Amino acid sequence: MSRYQVVDNVPIPLRKTRQRPLPTIRGSKYPFYRMRHGESFYADGVRYAALHSAVGKARQRMGGGFVIRPEGGGFRVWRVEK
């Protein structure tokens, strides 16, 4: 069971600065494969670079879009339309 909870109806905040895309891979500790469009999860205690890498892998494998934004002391990741 993942320690990350997938939630729905959390709006994506506007981008404050220019940011790069994010990553993820098969067997990931992140719940990318359980997410539907519009759902998100919050990840704290992770480095942006590691999360971005995992999101990138998920994008390649799933053919979908993901958005990462800072929130509190961590990051929130949304699944979006490509």
Protein backbone atom coordinates (compact mmCIF):
# COMPACT_ATOMS: atom_id res chain seq x y z
CA MET A 1 0.00 0.00 0.00
CA SER A 2 1.29 3.43 -0.93
CA ARG A 3 1.79 6.17 1.63
CA TYR A 4 0.51 8.69 -0.92
CA GLN A 5 -3.22 9.39 -1.05
CA VAL A 6 -4.83 10.19 -4.40
CA VAL A 7 -7.39 13.01 -4.15
CA ASP A 8 -9.74 14.72 -6.57
CA ASN A 9 -10.89 18.34 -7.00
CA VAL A 10 -7.66 20.12 -5.94
CA PRO A 11 -7.17 23.05 -8.34
CA ILE A 12 -3.79 23.48 -10.05
CA PRO A 13 -2.23 26.79 -8.97
CA LEU A 14 -0.77 29.11 -11.58
CA ARG A 15 2.92 28.66 -12.24
CA LYS A 16 4.98 31.28 -10.38
CA THR A 17 8.30 30.59 -12.08
CA ARG A 18 9.53 28.61 -15.03
CA GLN A 19 9.76 24.93 -14.07
CA ARG A 20 10.81 21.77 -15.87
CA PRO A 21 8.66 18.62 -16.30
CA LEU A 22 8.56 15.78 -13.73
CA PRO A 23 9.34 11.91 -13.63
CA THR A 24 8.19 8.35 -12.55
CA ILE A 25 8.89 4.68 -13.37
CA ARG A 26 7.28 1.23 -13.24
CA GLY A 27 7.21 -0.23 -9.76
CA SER A 28 7.13 3.36 -8.59
CA LYS A 29 6.47 4.33 -5.01
CA TYR A 30 4.19 7.05 -6.42
CA PRO A 31 0.56 6.27 -7.40
CA PHE A 32 0.75 7.39 -11.06
CA TYR A 33 -0.92 4.26 -12.41
CA ARG A 34 -3.95 4.56 -10.10
CA MET A 35 -4.66 8.18 -11.00
CA ARG A 36 -7.39 9.43 -13.33
CA HIS A 37 -7.41 12.83 -15.03
CA GLY A 38 -7.94 15.63 -12.50
CA GLU A 39 -6.68 13.64 -9.48
CA SER A 40 -3.56 14.57 -7.54
CA PHE A 41 -1.32 13.46 -4.69
CA TYR A 42 0.90 15.35 -2.24
CA ALA A 43 4.53 14.26 -1.75
CA ASP A 44 6.65 15.66 1.05
CA GLY A 45 10.19 14.77 2.04
CA VAL A 46 11.20 14.25 -1.59
CA ARG A 47 13.60 16.16 -3.82
CA TYR A 48 12.07 17.91 -6.82
CA ALA A 49 14.64 16.35 -9.16
CA ALA A 50 13.75 12.81 -8.05
CA LEU A 51 10.01 13.45 -8.33
CA HIS A 52 10.44 15.12 -11.72
CA SER A 53 12.39 12.13 -12.98
CA ALA A 54 9.67 9.72 -11.83
CA VAL A 55 6.97 11.82 -13.51
CA GLY A 56 8.93 11.85 -16.77
CA LYS A 57 9.09 8.05 -16.81
CA ALA A 58 5.36 7.84 -16.08
CA ARG A 59 4.66 10.23 -18.97
CA GLN A 60 6.67 8.05 -21.34
CA ARG A 61 5.04 4.81 -20.25
CA MET A 62 1.48 6.07 -19.82
CA GLY A 63 1.36 8.61 -22.63
CA GLY A 64 -0.32 11.08 -20.32
CA GLY A 65 0.36 14.44 -18.81
CA PHE A 66 1.36 15.34 -15.26
CA VAL A 67 1.88 18.70 -13.57
CA ILE A 68 4.01 19.32 -10.45
CA ARG A 69 3.65 22.38 -8.25
CA PRO A 70 5.22 23.24 -4.88
CA GLU A 71 2.79 23.14 -1.96
CA GLY A 72 3.68 23.67 1.68
CA GLY A 73 6.94 21.84 2.33
CA GLY A 74 6.49 19.38 -0.55
CA PHE A 75 4.99 19.03 -4.00
CA ARG A 76 1.56 18.17 -5.42
CA VAL A 77 1.34 16.14 -8.65
CA TRP A 78 -1.77 16.26 -10.87
CA ARG A 79 -2.70 14.00 -13.76
CA VAL A 80 -3.90 16.15 -16.64
CA GLU A 81 -5.00 15.71 -20.26
CA LYS A 82 -2.04 15.44 -22.58
